């Protein structure tokens, strides 16, 4: 499923996706995206939203250091093949 999704997204060549996807990747990589979603849930979700946001942030606070300190040392991560992702700034051949 992940491979097919990667192919579909990488296959789109529009100015919107060339701007949006790298920005979303960067935000997600540095947890800004998840922090922003937690803030939105806390602001709009009432008591349950605040509780869900706090639970999510607490779980990130525990899981990220554990994954970075232990998991990444034990297991090699596989990235999508370069052939699946077109070079930035160039249109794909039809």
N, C-alpha and C. Protein backbone atom coordinates (compact mmCIF):
# COMPACT_ATOMS: atom_id res chain seq x y z
N UNK A 1 0.81 -1.18 0.00
CA UNK A 1 0.00 0.00 0.00
C UNK A 1 0.87 1.26 0.00
N UNK A 2 1.91 1.28 0.80
CA UNK A 2 2.78 2.45 0.88
C UNK A 2 3.46 2.68 -0.47
N UNK A 3 3.91 1.61 -1.12
CA UNK A 3 4.57 1.76 -2.41
C UNK A 3 3.62 2.32 -3.46
N UNK A 4 2.40 1.82 -3.49
CA UNK A 4 1.45 2.32 -4.49
C UNK A 4 1.11 3.79 -4.21
N UNK A 5 0.98 4.16 -2.95
CA UNK A 5 0.72 5.55 -2.61
C UNK A 5 1.90 6.43 -3.00
N UNK A 6 3.12 5.95 -2.74
CA UNK A 6 4.31 6.71 -3.13
C UNK A 6 4.35 6.90 -4.63
N UNK A 7 4.05 5.86 -5.39
CA UNK A 7 4.03 5.98 -6.86
C UNK A 7 2.98 6.98 -7.33
N UNK A 8 1.80 6.92 -6.73
CA UNK A 8 0.73 7.85 -7.13
C UNK A 8 1.11 9.29 -6.86
N UNK A 9 1.64 9.56 -5.68
CA UNK A 9 1.99 10.93 -5.33
C UNK A 9 3.19 11.40 -6.15
N UNK A 10 4.20 10.54 -6.30
CA UNK A 10 5.38 10.92 -7.07
C UNK A 10 5.03 11.10 -8.55
N UNK A 11 4.00 10.42 -9.01
CA UNK A 11 3.60 10.53 -10.40
C UNK A 11 2.90 11.83 -10.74
N UNK A 12 2.44 12.54 -9.75
CA UNK A 12 1.80 13.82 -10.00
C UNK A 12 2.87 14.88 -10.18
N UNK A 13 2.73 15.65 -11.21
CA UNK A 13 3.71 16.70 -11.44
C UNK A 13 2.97 18.02 -11.62
N UNK A 14 2.76 18.69 -10.51
CA UNK A 14 2.14 20.00 -10.55
C UNK A 14 2.91 20.92 -9.60
N UNK A 15 2.77 22.18 -9.83
CA UNK A 15 3.47 23.15 -8.97
C UNK A 15 2.99 23.02 -7.52
N UNK A 16 1.70 22.72 -7.37
CA UNK A 16 1.13 22.58 -6.02
C UNK A 16 1.80 21.43 -5.26
N UNK A 17 1.90 20.26 -5.89
CA UNK A 17 2.50 19.12 -5.18
C UNK A 17 3.99 19.31 -4.98
N UNK A 18 4.66 19.97 -5.91
CA UNK A 18 6.11 20.22 -5.73
C UNK A 18 6.37 21.15 -4.56
N UNK A 19 5.42 22.05 -4.26
CA UNK A 19 5.58 22.95 -3.10
C UNK A 19 5.06 22.31 -1.82
N UNK A 20 3.92 21.65 -1.93
CA UNK A 20 3.25 21.13 -0.73
C UNK A 20 3.96 19.94 -0.10
N UNK A 21 4.31 18.95 -0.91
CA UNK A 21 4.85 17.71 -0.34
C UNK A 21 6.16 17.90 0.42
N UNK A 22 7.14 18.63 -0.12
CA UNK A 22 8.36 18.84 0.68
C UNK A 22 8.10 19.60 1.98
N UNK A 23 7.16 20.57 1.94
CA UNK A 23 6.85 21.32 3.16
C UNK A 23 6.18 20.41 4.20
N UNK A 24 5.26 19.56 3.75
CA UNK A 24 4.60 18.63 4.68
C UNK A 24 5.59 17.61 5.23
N UNK A 25 6.49 17.12 4.38
CA UNK A 25 7.49 16.16 4.83
C UNK A 25 8.38 16.78 5.90
N UNK A 26 8.80 18.01 5.66
CA UNK A 26 9.67 18.70 6.61
C UNK A 26 8.94 18.93 7.94
N UNK A 27 7.68 19.35 7.87
CA UNK A 27 6.91 19.60 9.08
C UNK A 27 6.68 18.30 9.86
N UNK A 28 6.37 17.23 9.16
CA UNK A 28 6.13 15.95 9.83
C UNK A 28 7.43 15.39 10.42
N UNK A 29 8.53 15.59 9.72
CA UNK A 29 9.82 15.08 10.19
C UNK A 29 10.24 15.75 11.50
N UNK A 30 9.90 16.98 11.66
CA UNK A 30 10.31 17.72 12.86
C UNK A 30 9.16 17.85 13.87
N UNK A 31 8.15 17.06 13.75
CA UNK A 31 6.97 16.97 14.62
C UNK A 31 6.12 18.24 14.66
N UNK A 32 6.41 19.22 13.82
CA UNK A 32 5.60 20.44 13.81
C UNK A 32 4.17 20.13 13.36
N UNK A 33 4.04 19.25 12.39
CA UNK A 33 2.72 18.89 11.89
C UNK A 33 1.86 18.29 13.00
N UNK A 34 2.42 17.35 13.75
CA UNK A 34 1.67 16.67 14.81
C UNK A 34 1.40 17.62 15.97
N UNK A 35 2.32 18.50 16.26
CA UNK A 35 2.11 19.50 17.30
C UNK A 35 0.98 20.43 16.89
N UNK A 36 0.97 20.85 15.64
CA UNK A 36 -0.10 21.72 15.14
C UNK A 36 -1.45 21.05 15.20
N UNK A 37 -1.50 19.77 14.85
CA UNK A 37 -2.77 19.04 14.93
C UNK A 37 -3.23 18.90 16.38
N UNK A 38 -2.31 18.68 17.29
CA UNK A 38 -2.67 18.57 18.70
C UNK A 38 -3.21 19.91 19.22
N UNK A 39 -2.60 21.01 18.81
CA UNK A 39 -3.09 22.32 19.22
C UNK A 39 -4.49 22.56 18.67
N UNK A 40 -4.71 22.19 17.41
CA UNK A 40 -6.04 22.36 16.81
C UNK A 40 -7.08 21.51 17.54
N UNK A 41 -6.72 20.27 17.88
CA UNK A 41 -7.66 19.41 18.61
C UNK A 41 -7.96 19.99 19.99
N UNK A 42 -6.94 20.48 20.67
CA UNK A 42 -7.14 21.04 22.00
C UNK A 42 -7.99 22.30 21.94
N UNK A 43 -7.81 23.09 20.90
CA UNK A 43 -8.54 24.35 20.78
C UNK A 43 -10.00 24.15 20.39
N UNK A 44 -10.28 23.14 19.60
CA UNK A 44 -11.64 22.99 19.06
C UNK A 44 -12.39 21.79 19.59
N UNK A 45 -11.73 20.90 20.31
CA UNK A 45 -12.36 19.64 20.68
C UNK A 45 -12.93 19.57 22.08
N UNK A 46 -12.92 20.69 22.81
CA UNK A 46 -13.44 20.65 24.18
C UNK A 46 -12.58 19.77 25.07
N UNK A 47 -13.21 19.22 26.10
CA UNK A 47 -12.48 18.40 27.06
C UNK A 47 -11.85 17.18 26.38
N UNK A 48 -12.63 16.50 25.54
CA UNK A 48 -12.12 15.30 24.87
C UNK A 48 -10.97 15.64 23.92
N UNK A 49 -11.05 16.77 23.24
CA UNK A 49 -9.97 17.18 22.35
C UNK A 49 -8.69 17.49 23.11
N UNK A 50 -8.84 18.18 24.24
CA UNK A 50 -7.66 18.48 25.07
C UNK A 50 -7.04 17.21 25.62
N UNK A 51 -7.89 16.29 26.05
CA UNK A 51 -7.40 15.02 26.60
C UNK A 51 -6.68 14.21 25.50
N UNK A 52 -7.27 14.16 24.30
CA UNK A 52 -6.66 13.44 23.19
C UNK A 52 -5.34 14.09 22.79
N UNK A 53 -5.30 15.42 22.74
CA UNK A 53 -4.06 16.12 22.38
C UNK A 53 -2.97 15.86 23.42
N UNK A 54 -3.32 15.91 24.70
CA UNK A 54 -2.33 15.65 25.75
C UNK A 54 -1.81 14.22 25.68
N UNK A 55 -2.72 13.28 25.44
CA UNK A 55 -2.31 11.88 25.33
C UNK A 55 -1.39 11.67 24.15
N UNK A 56 -1.73 12.28 23.00
CA UNK A 56 -0.90 12.16 21.81
C UNK A 56 0.49 12.76 22.01
N UNK A 57 0.53 13.95 22.61
CA UNK A 57 1.83 14.59 22.85
C UNK A 57 2.67 13.80 23.85
N UNK A 58 2.02 13.26 24.87
CA UNK A 58 2.76 12.44 25.84
C UNK A 58 3.32 11.19 25.19
N UNK A 59 2.53 10.57 24.33
CA UNK A 59 3.02 9.36 23.65
C UNK A 59 4.17 9.70 22.71
N UNK A 60 4.11 10.86 22.06
CA UNK A 60 5.24 11.27 21.21
C UNK A 60 6.48 11.53 22.05
N UNK A 61 6.28 12.12 23.22
CA UNK A 61 7.41 12.41 24.10
C UNK A 61 8.12 11.15 24.59
N UNK A 62 7.40 10.06 24.66
CA UNK A 62 8.00 8.79 25.10
C UNK A 62 8.52 8.00 23.90
N UNK A 63 7.71 7.92 22.84
CA UNK A 63 8.06 7.03 21.73
C UNK A 63 9.20 7.55 20.86
N UNK A 64 9.24 8.86 20.62
CA UNK A 64 10.30 9.37 19.74
C UNK A 64 11.70 9.15 20.29
N UNK A 65 11.97 9.50 21.53
CA UNK A 65 13.32 9.21 22.04
C UNK A 65 13.63 7.71 22.05
N UNK A 66 12.63 6.90 22.38
CA UNK A 66 12.87 5.45 22.38
C UNK A 66 13.20 4.95 20.98
N UNK A 67 12.45 5.41 20.01
CA UNK A 67 12.71 4.99 18.62
C UNK A 67 14.06 5.50 18.14
N UNK A 68 14.35 6.75 18.42
CA UNK A 68 15.60 7.32 17.93
C UNK A 68 16.82 6.73 18.64
N UNK A 69 16.71 6.49 19.92
CA UNK A 69 17.86 6.00 20.67
C UNK A 69 18.06 4.50 20.51
N UNK A 70 16.98 3.75 20.42
CA UNK A 70 17.09 2.30 20.39
C UNK A 70 16.76 1.73 19.02
N UNK A 71 15.58 2.05 18.53
CA UNK A 71 15.10 1.44 17.30
C UNK A 71 15.97 1.69 16.08
N UNK A 72 16.40 2.91 15.90
CA UNK A 72 17.21 3.23 14.72
C UNK A 72 18.60 2.59 14.79
N UNK A 73 19.05 2.26 15.98
CA UNK A 73 20.34 1.60 16.12
C UNK A 73 20.23 0.11 15.80
N UNK A 74 19.06 -0.46 16.03
CA UNK A 74 18.87 -1.90 15.84
C UNK A 74 18.43 -2.28 14.43
N UNK A 75 17.63 -1.43 13.79
CA UNK A 75 17.04 -1.78 12.51
C UNK A 75 17.37 -0.74 11.45
N UNK A 76 17.69 -1.24 10.28
CA UNK A 76 17.96 -0.37 9.15
C UNK A 76 16.64 0.03 8.50
N UNK A 77 16.47 1.31 8.21
CA UNK A 77 15.24 1.77 7.58
C UNK A 77 15.39 1.72 6.07
N UNK A 78 14.34 1.22 5.42
CA UNK A 78 14.35 1.19 3.97
C UNK A 78 13.58 2.40 3.45
N UNK A 79 14.17 3.10 2.51
CA UNK A 79 13.54 4.26 1.88
C UNK A 79 12.96 3.83 0.55
N UNK A 80 12.01 4.62 0.01
CA UNK A 80 11.49 4.30 -1.32
C UNK A 80 12.63 4.35 -2.35
N UNK A 81 12.53 3.51 -3.37
CA UNK A 81 13.56 3.50 -4.40
C UNK A 81 13.59 4.84 -5.11
N UNK A 82 14.78 5.30 -5.46
CA UNK A 82 14.93 6.59 -6.13
C UNK A 82 14.19 6.65 -7.45
N UNK A 83 14.03 5.51 -8.10
CA UNK A 83 13.35 5.49 -9.38
C UNK A 83 11.87 5.87 -9.24
N UNK A 84 11.31 5.69 -8.06
CA UNK A 84 9.90 6.01 -7.84
C UNK A 84 9.67 7.51 -7.68
N UNK A 85 10.70 8.23 -7.31
CA UNK A 85 10.55 9.66 -7.01
C UNK A 85 11.26 10.46 -8.10
N UNK A 86 10.51 11.29 -8.84
CA UNK A 86 11.13 12.05 -9.92
C UNK A 86 12.04 13.13 -9.34
N UNK A 87 13.08 13.51 -10.10
CA UNK A 87 13.97 14.58 -9.63
C UNK A 87 13.19 15.88 -9.45
N UNK A 88 13.54 16.65 -8.47
CA UNK A 88 12.84 17.93 -8.22
C UNK A 88 13.16 18.91 -9.34
N UNK A 89 12.15 19.67 -9.67
CA UNK A 89 12.34 20.74 -10.64
C UNK A 89 12.24 20.31 -12.09
N UNK A 90 12.14 19.02 -12.36
CA UNK A 90 12.03 18.55 -13.75
C UNK A 90 10.69 17.87 -13.93
N UNK A 91 10.08 18.13 -15.06
CA UNK A 91 8.82 17.46 -15.37
C UNK A 91 9.11 16.03 -15.75
N UNK A 92 8.17 15.14 -15.43
CA UNK A 92 8.33 13.73 -15.77
C UNK A 92 8.04 13.53 -17.24
N UNK A 93 8.73 12.61 -17.84
CA UNK A 93 8.48 12.27 -19.24
C UNK A 93 7.17 11.50 -19.34
N UNK A 94 6.39 11.81 -20.35
CA UNK A 94 5.09 11.15 -20.48
C UNK A 94 5.20 9.82 -21.16
